[in-house]
Full PDB file with SEQRES, HELIX, SHEET, SSBOND, CRYST1, ORIGX, SCALE, CONECT and MASTER records, all heavy atoms in Angstrom:
SEQRES   1 A   41  ASN GLN ALA LEU PRO ILE ILE ASN GLU ASN ASP THR VAL          
SEQRES   2 A   41  ALA VAL ASN GLU LEU LYS VAL GLY ASP ASN ASP ASN LEU          
SEQRES   3 A   41  GLY ALA TYR THR ALA LEU ILE ALA GLN ALA ASP THR LEU          
SEQRES   4 A   41  ILE ILE                                                      
HELIX    1 AA1 ASN A   16  LEU A   18  5                                   3    
HELIX    2 AA2 ASN A   23  ALA A   34  1                                  12    
CRYST1    1.000    1.000    1.000  90.00  90.00  90.00 P 1           1          
ORIGX1      1.000000  0.000000  0.000000        0.00000                         
ORIGX2      0.000000  1.000000  0.000000        0.00000                         
ORIGX3      0.000000  0.000000  1.000000        0.00000                         
SCALE1      1.000000  0.000000  0.000000        0.00000                         
SCALE2      0.000000  1.000000  0.000000        0.00000                         
SCALE3      0.000000  0.000000  1.000000        0.00000                         
ATOM      1  N   ASN A   1    -130.094  44.825  96.426  1.00  0.00           N  
ATOM      2  CA  ASN A   1    -130.798  44.459  97.653  1.00  0.00           C  
ATOM      3  C   ASN A   1    -131.914  43.449  97.403  1.00  0.00           C  
ATOM      4  O   ASN A   1    -132.817  43.293  98.232  1.00  0.00           O  
ATOM      5  CB  ASN A   1    -131.340  45.719  98.334  1.00  0.00           C  
ATOM      6  CG  ASN A   1    -130.242  46.531  98.995  1.00  0.00           C  
ATOM      7  OD1 ASN A   1    -129.825  46.226 100.114  1.00  0.00           O  
ATOM      8  ND2 ASN A   1    -129.753  47.557  98.310  1.00  0.00           N  
ATOM      9  N   GLN A   2    -131.840  42.760  96.275  1.00  0.00           N  
ATOM     10  CA  GLN A   2    -132.735  41.643  95.954  1.00  0.00           C  
ATOM     11  C   GLN A   2    -134.204  42.044  95.848  1.00  0.00           C  
ATOM     12  O   GLN A   2    -135.099  41.219  96.031  1.00  0.00           O  
ATOM     13  CB  GLN A   2    -132.591  40.525  97.001  1.00  0.00           C  
ATOM     14  CG  GLN A   2    -131.170  40.052  97.213  1.00  0.00           C  
ATOM     15  CD  GLN A   2    -130.492  39.609  95.913  1.00  0.00           C  
ATOM     16  OE1 GLN A   2    -131.064  38.839  95.155  1.00  0.00           O  
ATOM     17  NE2 GLN A   2    -129.291  40.109  95.658  1.00  0.00           N  
ATOM     18  N   ALA A   3    -134.475  43.320  95.564  1.00  0.00           N  
ATOM     19  CA  ALA A   3    -135.845  43.769  95.332  1.00  0.00           C  
ATOM     20  C   ALA A   3    -136.171  43.622  93.839  1.00  0.00           C  
ATOM     21  O   ALA A   3    -135.279  43.565  92.992  1.00  0.00           O  
ATOM     22  CB  ALA A   3    -136.026  45.210  95.766  1.00  0.00           C  
ATOM     23  N   LEU A   4    -137.450  43.554  93.538  1.00  0.00           N  
ATOM     24  CA  LEU A   4    -137.917  43.471  92.151  1.00  0.00           C  
ATOM     25  C   LEU A   4    -138.471  44.834  91.737  1.00  0.00           C  
ATOM     26  O   LEU A   4    -139.570  45.215  92.157  1.00  0.00           O  
ATOM     27  CB  LEU A   4    -139.004  42.405  92.023  1.00  0.00           C  
ATOM     28  CG  LEU A   4    -139.666  42.274  90.647  1.00  0.00           C  
ATOM     29  CD1 LEU A   4    -138.654  41.811  89.598  1.00  0.00           C  
ATOM     30  CD2 LEU A   4    -140.850  41.308  90.706  1.00  0.00           C  
ATOM     31  N   PRO A   5    -137.745  45.598  90.927  1.00  0.00           N  
ATOM     32  CA  PRO A   5    -138.266  46.895  90.475  1.00  0.00           C  
ATOM     33  C   PRO A   5    -139.430  46.712  89.510  1.00  0.00           C  
ATOM     34  O   PRO A   5    -139.361  45.882  88.595  1.00  0.00           O  
ATOM     35  CB  PRO A   5    -137.069  47.538  89.765  1.00  0.00           C  
ATOM     36  CG  PRO A   5    -135.866  46.761  90.221  1.00  0.00           C  
ATOM     37  CD  PRO A   5    -136.374  45.360  90.455  1.00  0.00           C  
ATOM     38  N   ILE A   6    -140.497  47.466  89.736  1.00  0.00           N  
ATOM     39  CA  ILE A   6    -141.664  47.448  88.848  1.00  0.00           C  
ATOM     40  C   ILE A   6    -141.904  48.880  88.383  1.00  0.00           C  
ATOM     41  O   ILE A   6    -142.176  49.771  89.193  1.00  0.00           O  
ATOM     42  CB  ILE A   6    -142.908  46.886  89.549  1.00  0.00           C  
ATOM     43  CG1 ILE A   6    -142.644  45.435  90.000  1.00  0.00           C  
ATOM     44  CG2 ILE A   6    -144.124  46.939  88.630  1.00  0.00           C  
ATOM     45  CD1 ILE A   6    -143.780  44.804  90.770  1.00  0.00           C  
ATOM     46  N   ILE A   7    -141.786  49.096  87.085  1.00  0.00           N  
ATOM     47  CA  ILE A   7    -141.805  50.442  86.513  1.00  0.00           C  
ATOM     48  C   ILE A   7    -143.067  50.634  85.685  1.00  0.00           C  
ATOM     49  O   ILE A   7    -143.509  49.741  84.976  1.00  0.00           O  
ATOM     50  CB  ILE A   7    -140.550  50.660  85.644  1.00  0.00           C  
ATOM     51  CG1 ILE A   7    -139.295  50.643  86.530  1.00  0.00           C  
ATOM     52  CG2 ILE A   7    -140.637  51.971  84.864  1.00  0.00           C  
ATOM     53  CD1 ILE A   7    -138.004  50.719  85.747  1.00  0.00           C  
ATOM     54  N   ASN A   8    -143.634  51.835  85.804  1.00  0.00           N  
ATOM     55  CA  ASN A   8    -144.751  52.222  84.950  1.00  0.00           C  
ATOM     56  C   ASN A   8    -144.618  53.703  84.658  1.00  0.00           C  
ATOM     57  O   ASN A   8    -143.909  54.432  85.369  1.00  0.00           O  
ATOM     58  CB  ASN A   8    -146.090  51.932  85.638  1.00  0.00           C  
ATOM     59  CG  ASN A   8    -147.272  52.024  84.669  1.00  0.00           C  
ATOM     60  OD1 ASN A   8    -147.098  52.120  83.452  1.00  0.00           O  
ATOM     61  ND2 ASN A   8    -148.479  52.013  85.212  1.00  0.00           N  
ATOM     62  N   GLU A   9    -145.276  54.145  83.604  1.00  0.00           N  
ATOM     63  CA  GLU A   9    -145.316  55.586  83.351  1.00  0.00           C  
ATOM     64  C   GLU A   9    -146.196  56.247  84.400  1.00  0.00           C  
ATOM     65  O   GLU A   9    -147.198  55.678  84.848  1.00  0.00           O  
ATOM     66  CB  GLU A   9    -145.864  55.867  81.956  1.00  0.00           C  
ATOM     67  CG  GLU A   9    -145.822  57.345  81.597  1.00  0.00           C  
ATOM     68  CD  GLU A   9    -145.587  57.589  80.120  1.00  0.00           C  
ATOM     69  OE1 GLU A   9    -145.916  56.714  79.310  1.00  0.00           O  
ATOM     70  OE2 GLU A   9    -145.067  58.657  79.789  1.00  0.00           O  
ATOM     71  N   ASN A  10    -145.805  57.444  84.818  1.00  0.00           N  
ATOM     72  CA  ASN A  10    -146.564  58.141  85.855  1.00  0.00           C  
ATOM     73  C   ASN A  10    -147.772  58.824  85.222  1.00  0.00           C  
ATOM     74  O   ASN A  10    -147.805  60.040  85.012  1.00  0.00           O  
ATOM     75  CB  ASN A  10    -145.677  59.162  86.579  1.00  0.00           C  
ATOM     76  CG  ASN A  10    -146.311  59.649  87.862  1.00  0.00           C  
ATOM     77  OD1 ASN A  10    -147.467  59.356  88.139  1.00  0.00           O  
ATOM     78  ND2 ASN A  10    -145.557  60.388  88.652  1.00  0.00           N  
ATOM     79  N   ASP A  11    -148.790  58.025  84.941  1.00  0.00           N  
ATOM     80  CA  ASP A  11    -149.989  58.531  84.259  1.00  0.00           C  
ATOM     81  C   ASP A  11    -150.786  59.501  85.115  1.00  0.00           C  
ATOM     82  O   ASP A  11    -151.669  60.197  84.606  1.00  0.00           O  
ATOM     83  CB  ASP A  11    -150.894  57.357  83.865  1.00  0.00           C  
ATOM     84  CG  ASP A  11    -150.274  56.490  82.783  1.00  0.00           C  
ATOM     85  OD1 ASP A  11    -149.754  57.057  81.810  1.00  0.00           O  
ATOM     86  OD2 ASP A  11    -150.300  55.259  82.921  1.00  0.00           O  
ATOM     87  N   THR A  12    -150.507  59.556  86.416  1.00  0.00           N  
ATOM     88  CA  THR A  12    -151.271  60.457  87.282  1.00  0.00           C  
ATOM     89  C   THR A  12    -150.902  61.912  87.055  1.00  0.00           C  
ATOM     90  O   THR A  12    -151.678  62.805  87.388  1.00  0.00           O  
ATOM     91  CB  THR A  12    -151.054  60.105  88.766  1.00  0.00           C  
ATOM     92  OG1 THR A  12    -149.670  60.253  89.082  1.00  0.00           O  
ATOM     93  CG2 THR A  12    -151.494  58.691  89.050  1.00  0.00           C  
ATOM     94  N   VAL A  13    -149.724  62.188  86.511  1.00  0.00           N  
ATOM     95  CA  VAL A  13    -149.301  63.583  86.327  1.00  0.00           C  
ATOM     96  C   VAL A  13    -148.919  63.906  84.890  1.00  0.00           C  
ATOM     97  O   VAL A  13    -148.911  65.072  84.501  1.00  0.00           O  
ATOM     98  CB  VAL A  13    -148.106  63.935  87.255  1.00  0.00           C  
ATOM     99  CG1 VAL A  13    -148.510  63.793  88.712  1.00  0.00           C  
ATOM    100  CG2 VAL A  13    -146.898  63.071  86.958  1.00  0.00           C  
ATOM    101  N   ALA A  14    -148.557  62.896  84.096  1.00  0.00           N  
ATOM    102  CA  ALA A  14    -148.033  63.166  82.758  1.00  0.00           C  
ATOM    103  C   ALA A  14    -149.139  63.621  81.814  1.00  0.00           C  
ATOM    104  O   ALA A  14    -150.250  63.111  81.842  1.00  0.00           O  
ATOM    105  CB  ALA A  14    -147.358  61.912  82.197  1.00  0.00           C  
ATOM    106  N   VAL A  15    -148.819  64.617  81.001  1.00  0.00           N  
ATOM    107  CA  VAL A  15    -149.700  65.019  79.914  1.00  0.00           C  
ATOM    108  C   VAL A  15    -149.027  64.594  78.614  1.00  0.00           C  
ATOM    109  O   VAL A  15    -147.873  64.175  78.598  1.00  0.00           O  
ATOM    110  CB  VAL A  15    -149.959  66.540  79.918  1.00  0.00           C  
ATOM    111  CG1 VAL A  15    -150.792  66.923  81.134  1.00  0.00           C  
ATOM    112  CG2 VAL A  15    -148.644  67.316  79.925  1.00  0.00           C  
ATOM    113  N   ASN A  16    -149.760  64.689  77.506  1.00  0.00           N  
ATOM    114  CA  ASN A  16    -149.294  64.067  76.275  1.00  0.00           C  
ATOM    115  C   ASN A  16    -147.879  64.451  75.880  1.00  0.00           C  
ATOM    116  O   ASN A  16    -147.084  63.607  75.481  1.00  0.00           O  
ATOM    117  CB  ASN A  16    -150.254  64.407  75.120  1.00  0.00           C  
ATOM    118  CG  ASN A  16    -151.545  63.598  75.205  1.00  0.00           C  
ATOM    119  OD1 ASN A  16    -151.575  62.572  75.859  1.00  0.00           O  
ATOM    120  ND2 ASN A  16    -152.583  64.070  74.551  1.00  0.00           N  
ATOM    121  N   GLU A  17    -147.539  65.749  75.996  1.00  0.00           N  
ATOM    122  CA  GLU A  17    -146.225  66.165  75.538  1.00  0.00           C  
ATOM    123  C   GLU A  17    -145.106  65.702  76.465  1.00  0.00           C  
ATOM    124  O   GLU A  17    -143.935  65.789  76.128  1.00  0.00           O  
ATOM    125  CB  GLU A  17    -146.168  67.688  75.366  1.00  0.00           C  
ATOM    126  CG  GLU A  17    -146.421  68.496  76.640  1.00  0.00           C  
ATOM    127  CD  GLU A  17    -147.894  68.849  76.803  1.00  0.00           C  
ATOM    128  OE1 GLU A  17    -148.738  68.140  76.232  1.00  0.00           O  
ATOM    129  OE2 GLU A  17    -148.177  69.836  77.499  1.00  0.00           O  
ATOM    130  N   LEU A  18    -145.458  65.202  77.668  1.00  0.00           N  
ATOM    131  CA  LEU A  18    -144.449  64.714  78.603  1.00  0.00           C  
ATOM    132  C   LEU A  18    -144.488  63.204  78.746  1.00  0.00           C  
ATOM    133  O   LEU A  18    -143.816  62.633  79.596  1.00  0.00           O  
ATOM    134  CB  LEU A  18    -144.655  65.362  79.986  1.00  0.00           C  
ATOM    135  CG  LEU A  18    -144.444  66.869  80.071  1.00  0.00           C  
ATOM    136  CD1 LEU A  18    -144.716  67.353  81.482  1.00  0.00           C  
ATOM    137  CD2 LEU A  18    -143.042  67.247  79.645  1.00  0.00           C  
ATOM    138  N   LYS A  19    -145.257  62.526  77.901  1.00  0.00           N  
ATOM    139  CA  LYS A  19    -145.413  61.085  78.036  1.00  0.00           C  
ATOM    140  C   LYS A  19    -144.501  60.332  77.073  1.00  0.00           C  
ATOM    141  O   LYS A  19    -144.266  60.779  75.954  1.00  0.00           O  
ATOM    142  CB  LYS A  19    -146.867  60.673  77.772  1.00  0.00           C  
ATOM    143  CG  LYS A  19    -147.834  61.095  78.864  1.00  0.00           C  
ATOM    144  CD  LYS A  19    -149.270  60.805  78.459  1.00  0.00           C  
ATOM    145  CE  LYS A  19    -149.587  59.331  78.427  1.00  0.00           C  
ATOM    146  NZ  LYS A  19    -149.633  58.732  79.770  1.00  0.00           N  
ATOM    147  N   VAL A  20    -143.980  59.208  77.524  1.00  0.00           N  
ATOM    148  CA  VAL A  20    -143.361  58.276  76.593  1.00  0.00           C  
ATOM    149  C   VAL A  20    -144.442  57.766  75.647  1.00  0.00           C  
ATOM    150  O   VAL A  20    -144.230  57.628  74.447  1.00  0.00           O  
ATOM    151  CB  VAL A  20    -142.701  57.103  77.353  1.00  0.00           C  
ATOM    152  CG1 VAL A  20    -142.171  56.064  76.367  1.00  0.00           C  
ATOM    153  CG2 VAL A  20    -141.590  57.613  78.253  1.00  0.00           C  
ATOM    154  N   GLY A  21    -145.641  57.493  76.207  1.00  0.00           N  
ATOM    155  CA  GLY A  21    -146.808  57.189  75.394  1.00  0.00           C  
ATOM    156  C   GLY A  21    -147.188  55.728  75.338  1.00  0.00           C  
ATOM    157  O   GLY A  21    -148.354  55.405  75.177  1.00  0.00           O  
ATOM    158  N   ASP A  22    -146.216  54.843  75.462  1.00  0.00           N  
ATOM    159  CA  ASP A  22    -146.520  53.411  75.477  1.00  0.00           C  
ATOM    160  C   ASP A  22    -145.430  52.711  76.263  1.00  0.00           C  
ATOM    161  O   ASP A  22    -144.292  53.168  76.329  1.00  0.00           O  
ATOM    162  CB  ASP A  22    -146.606  52.859  74.060  1.00  0.00           C  
ATOM    163  CG  ASP A  22    -145.264  52.898  73.351  1.00  0.00           C  
ATOM    164  OD1 ASP A  22    -144.502  51.925  73.466  1.00  0.00           O  
ATOM    165  OD2 ASP A  22    -144.964  53.922  72.706  1.00  0.00           O  
ATOM    166  N   ASN A  23    -145.787  51.579  76.860  1.00  0.00           N  
ATOM    167  CA  ASN A  23    -144.843  50.887  77.720  1.00  0.00           C  
ATOM    168  C   ASN A  23    -143.901  49.956  76.961  1.00  0.00           C  
ATOM    169  O   ASN A  23    -142.960  49.427  77.549  1.00  0.00           O  
ATOM    170  CB  ASN A  23    -145.582  50.129  78.826  1.00  0.00           C  
ATOM    171  CG  ASN A  23    -145.890  51.032  80.003  1.00  0.00           C  
ATOM    172  OD1 ASN A  23    -145.531  52.211  79.996  1.00  0.00           O  
ATOM    173  ND2 ASN A  23    -146.530  50.498  81.023  1.00  0.00           N  
ATOM    174  N   ASP A  24    -144.129  49.758  75.670  1.00  0.00           N  
ATOM    175  CA  ASP A  24    -143.131  49.052  74.871  1.00  0.00           C  
ATOM    176  C   ASP A  24    -141.853  49.885  74.795  1.00  0.00           C  
ATOM    177  O   ASP A  24    -140.752  49.401  75.089  1.00  0.00           O  
ATOM    178  CB  ASP A  24    -143.655  48.770  73.459  1.00  0.00           C  
ATOM    179  CG  ASP A  24    -144.845  47.819  73.450  1.00  0.00           C  
ATOM    180  OD1 ASP A  24    -144.857  46.875  74.265  1.00  0.00           O  
ATOM    181  OD2 ASP A  24    -145.764  48.030  72.644  1.00  0.00           O  
ATOM    182  N   ASN A  25    -142.004  51.152  74.423  1.00  0.00           N  
ATOM    183  CA  ASN A  25    -140.836  52.033  74.355  1.00  0.00           C  
ATOM    184  C   ASN A  25    -140.296  52.349  75.741  1.00  0.00           C  
ATOM    185  O   ASN A  25    -139.080  52.521  75.913  1.00  0.00           O  
ATOM    186  CB  ASN A  25    -141.174  53.308  73.579  1.00  0.00           C  
ATOM    187  CG  ASN A  25    -141.110  53.103  72.077  1.00  0.00           C  
ATOM    188  OD1 ASN A  25    -140.038  52.890  71.521  1.00  0.00           O  
ATOM    189  ND2 ASN A  25    -142.253  53.147  71.408  1.00  0.00           N  
ATOM    190  N   LEU A  26    -141.177  52.438  76.752  1.00  0.00           N  
ATOM    191  CA  LEU A  26    -140.690  52.622  78.116  1.00  0.00           C  
ATOM    192  C   LEU A  26    -139.823  51.424  78.523  1.00  0.00           C  
ATOM    193  O   LEU A  26    -138.809  51.585  79.206  1.00  0.00           O  
ATOM    194  CB  LEU A  26    -141.850  52.792  79.095  1.00  0.00           C  
ATOM    195  CG  LEU A  26    -141.459  53.048  80.558  1.00  0.00           C  
ATOM    196  CD1 LEU A  26    -140.619  54.305  80.701  1.00  0.00           C  
ATOM    197  CD2 LEU A  26    -142.710  53.134  81.433  1.00  0.00           C  
ATOM    198  N   GLY A  27    -140.223  50.231  78.091  1.00  0.00           N  
ATOM    199  CA  GLY A  27    -139.406  49.048  78.339  1.00  0.00           C  
ATOM    200  C   GLY A  27    -138.033  49.168  77.702  1.00  0.00           C  
ATOM    201  O   GLY A  27    -137.017  48.789  78.296  1.00  0.00           O  
ATOM    202  N   ALA A  28    -137.988  49.705  76.474  1.00  0.00           N  
ATOM    203  CA  ALA A  28    -136.700  49.891  75.794  1.00  0.00           C  
ATOM    204  C   ALA A  28    -135.840  50.908  76.526  1.00  0.00           C  
ATOM    205  O   ALA A  28    -134.636  50.688  76.736  1.00  0.00           O  
ATOM    206  CB  ALA A  28    -136.939  50.336  74.350  1.00  0.00           C  
ATOM    207  N   TYR A  29    -136.443  52.038  76.922  1.00  0.00           N  
ATOM    208  CA  TYR A  29    -135.684  53.043  77.671  1.00  0.00           C  
ATOM    209  C   TYR A  29    -135.156  52.465  78.982  1.00  0.00           C  
ATOM    210  O   TYR A  29    -134.021  52.738  79.396  1.00  0.00           O  
ATOM    211  CB  TYR A  29    -136.554  54.268  77.963  1.00  0.00           C  
ATOM    212  CG  TYR A  29    -136.887  55.099  76.745  1.00  0.00           C  
ATOM    213  CD1 TYR A  29    -138.203  55.508  76.495  1.00  0.00           C  
ATOM    214  CD2 TYR A  29    -135.907  55.486  75.846  1.00  0.00           C  
ATOM    215  CE1 TYR A  29    -138.518  56.265  75.377  1.00  0.00           C  
ATOM    216  CE2 TYR A  29    -136.213  56.247  74.735  1.00  0.00           C  
ATOM    217  CZ  TYR A  29    -137.519  56.636  74.497  1.00  0.00           C  
ATOM    218  OH  TYR A  29    -137.825  57.388  73.399  1.00  0.00           O  
ATOM    219  N   THR A  30    -135.972  51.645  79.643  1.00  0.00           N  
ATOM    220  CA  THR A  30    -135.546  51.023  80.899  1.00  0.00           C  
ATOM    221  C   THR A  30    -134.377  50.086  80.655  1.00  0.00           C  
ATOM    222  O   THR A  30    -133.425  50.037  81.448  1.00  0.00           O  
ATOM    223  CB  THR A  30    -136.719  50.262  81.543  1.00  0.00           C  
ATOM    224  OG1 THR A  30    -137.802  51.166  81.778  1.00  0.00           O  
ATOM    225  CG2 THR A  30    -136.299  49.634  82.855  1.00  0.00           C  
ATOM    226  N   ALA A  31    -134.426  49.328  79.551  1.00  0.00           N  
ATOM    227  CA  ALA A  31    -133.311  48.439  79.215  1.00  0.00           C  
ATOM    228  C   ALA A  31    -132.026  49.228  78.997  1.00  0.00           C  
ATOM    229  O   ALA A  31    -130.937  48.796  79.399  1.00  0.00           O  
ATOM    230  CB  ALA A  31    -133.656  47.625  77.967  1.00  0.00           C  
ATOM    231  N   LEU A  32    -132.152  50.395  78.384  1.00  0.00           N  
ATOM    232  CA  LEU A  32    -130.978  51.242  78.166  1.00  0.00           C  
ATOM    233  C   LEU A  32    -130.442  51.777  79.486  1.00  0.00           C  
ATOM    234  O   LEU A  32    -129.230  51.737  79.738  1.00  0.00           O  
ATOM    235  CB  LEU A  32    -131.334  52.400  77.227  1.00  0.00           C  
ATOM    236  CG  LEU A  32    -131.756  52.033  75.804  1.00  0.00           C  
ATOM    237  CD1 LEU A  32    -132.238  53.262  75.055  1.00  0.00           C  
ATOM    238  CD2 LEU A  32    -130.612  51.378  75.055  1.00  0.00           C  
ATOM    239  N   ILE A  33    -131.347  52.291  80.329  1.00  0.00           N  
ATOM    240  CA  ILE A  33    -130.917  52.845  81.615  1.00  0.00           C  
ATOM    241  C   ILE A  33    -130.261  51.775  82.478  1.00  0.00           C  
ATOM    242  O   ILE A  33    -129.208  51.996  83.091  1.00  0.00           O  
ATOM    243  CB  ILE A  33    -132.117  53.445  82.384  1.00  0.00           C  
ATOM    244  CG1 ILE A  33    -132.728  54.624  81.628  1.00  0.00           C  
ATOM    245  CG2 ILE A  33    -131.690  53.902  83.783  1.00  0.00           C  
ATOM    246  CD1 ILE A  33    -134.012  55.144  82.247  1.00  0.00           C  
ATOM    247  N   ALA A  34    -130.894  50.612  82.541  1.00  0.00           N  
ATOM    248  CA  ALA A  34    -130.433  49.541  83.425  1.00  0.00           C  
ATOM    249  C   ALA A  34    -129.261  48.768  82.832  1.00  0.00           C  
ATOM    250  O   ALA A  34    -128.717  47.880  83.497  1.00  0.00           O  
ATOM    251  CB  ALA A  34    -131.580  48.575  83.718  1.00  0.00           C  
ATOM    252  N   GLN A  35    -128.879  49.091  81.587  1.00  0.00           N  
ATOM    253  CA  GLN A  35    -127.805  48.376  80.891  1.00  0.00           C  
ATOM    254  C   GLN A  35    -128.081  46.869  80.898  1.00  0.00           C  
ATOM    255  O   GLN A  35    -127.209  46.046  81.187  1.00  0.00           O  
ATOM    256  CB  GLN A  35    -126.446  48.714  81.516  1.00  0.00           C  
ATOM    257  CG  GLN A  35    -126.082  50.187  81.339  1.00  0.00           C  
ATOM    258  CD  GLN A  35    -124.739  50.544  81.948  1.00  0.00           C  
ATOM    259  OE1 GLN A  35    -124.598  50.599  83.158  1.00  0.00           O  
ATOM    260  NE2 GLN A  35    -123.747  50.784  81.098  1.00  0.00           N  
ATOM    261  N   ALA A  36    -129.335  46.548  80.571  1.00  0.00           N  
ATOM    262  CA  ALA A  36    -129.745  45.149  80.462  1.00  0.00           C  
ATOM    263  C   ALA A  36    -129.201  44.559  79.173  1.00  0.00           C  
ATOM    264  O   ALA A  36    -128.780  45.281  78.262  1.00  0.00           O  
ATOM    265  CB  ALA A  36    -131.269  45.054  80.496  1.00  0.00           C  
ATOM    266  N   ASP A  37    -129.213  43.226  79.080  1.00  0.00           N  
ATOM    267  CA  ASP A  37    -128.824  42.589  77.829  1.00  0.00           C  
ATOM    268  C   ASP A  37    -130.027  42.065  77.062  1.00  0.00           C  
ATOM    269  O   ASP A  37    -129.895  41.649  75.919  1.00  0.00           O  
ATOM    270  CB  ASP A  37    -127.828  41.449  78.076  1.00  0.00           C  
ATOM    271  CG  ASP A  37    -128.308  40.451  79.117  1.00  0.00           C  
ATOM    272  OD1 ASP A  37    -129.410  39.904  78.955  1.00  0.00           O  
ATOM    273  OD2 ASP A  37    -127.583  40.232  80.108  1.00  0.00           O  
ATOM    274  N   THR A  38    -131.228  42.127  77.698  1.00  0.00           N  
ATOM    275  CA  THR A  38    -132.419  41.541  77.080  1.00  0.00           C  
ATOM    276  C   THR A  38    -133.672  42.329  77.443  1.00  0.00           C  
ATOM    277  O   THR A  38    -133.825  42.746  78.586  1.00  0.00           O  
ATOM    278  CB  THR A  38    -132.603  40.079  77.546  1.00  0.00           C  
ATOM    279  OG1 THR A  38    -131.427  39.335  77.242  1.00  0.00           O  
ATOM    280  CG2 THR A  38    -133.800  39.422  76.884  1.00  0.00           C  
ATOM    281  N   LEU A  39    -134.549  42.513  76.463  1.00  0.00           N  
ATOM    282  CA  LEU A  39    -135.903  43.030  76.680  1.00  0.00           C  
ATOM    283  C   LEU A  39    -136.877  41.954  76.222  1.00  0.00           C  
ATOM    284  O   LEU A  39    -136.814  41.499  75.077  1.00  0.00           O  
ATOM    285  CB  LEU A  39    -136.136  44.320  75.887  1.00  0.00           C  
ATOM    286  CG  LEU A  39    -137.582  44.836  75.820  1.00  0.00           C  
ATOM    287  CD1 LEU A  39    -138.095  45.215  77.209  1.00  0.00           C  
ATOM    288  CD2 LEU A  39    -137.702  46.022  74.856  1.00  0.00           C  
ATOM    289  N   ILE A  40    -137.758  41.535  77.133  1.00  0.00           N  
ATOM    290  CA  ILE A  40    -138.792  40.553  76.802  1.00  0.00           C  
ATOM    291  C   ILE A  40    -140.144  41.254  76.824  1.00  0.00           C  
ATOM    292  O   ILE A  40    -140.581  41.728  77.872  1.00  0.00           O  
ATOM    293  CB  ILE A  40    -138.795  39.378  77.802  1.00  0.00           C  
ATOM    294  CG1 ILE A  40    -137.425  38.695  77.843  1.00  0.00           C  
ATOM    295  CG2 ILE A  40    -139.884  38.369  77.444  1.00  0.00           C  
ATOM    296  CD1 ILE A  40    -137.297  37.630  78.920  1.00  0.00           C  
ATOM    297  N   ILE A  41    -140.789  41.361  75.675  1.00  0.00           N  
ATOM    298  CA  ILE A  41    -142.090  42.006  75.567  1.00  0.00           C  
ATOM    299  C   ILE A  41    -143.158  40.923  75.587  1.00  0.00           C  
ATOM    300  O   ILE A  41    -143.285  40.140  74.637  1.00  0.00           O  
ATOM    301  CB  ILE A  41    -142.197  42.857  74.292  1.00  0.00           C  
ATOM    302  CG1 ILE A  41    -141.140  43.969  74.289  1.00  0.00           C  
ATOM    303  CG2 ILE A  41    -143.595  43.457  74.157  1.00  0.00           C  
ATOM    304  CD1 ILE A  41    -141.128  44.812  73.028  1.00  0.00           C  
TER     305      ILE A  41                                                      
MASTER        0    0    0    2    0    0    0    6  304    1    0    4          
END                                                                             
């Protein structure tokens, strides 16, 4: 639908044991979920 998804960790509720912890790895997980061919950090 031509929208631009913007993803962030839900820091408002996550505690340490439930956190990815950094958005570099969150970017990698997103690339895996979205079946992307490229991650640009």
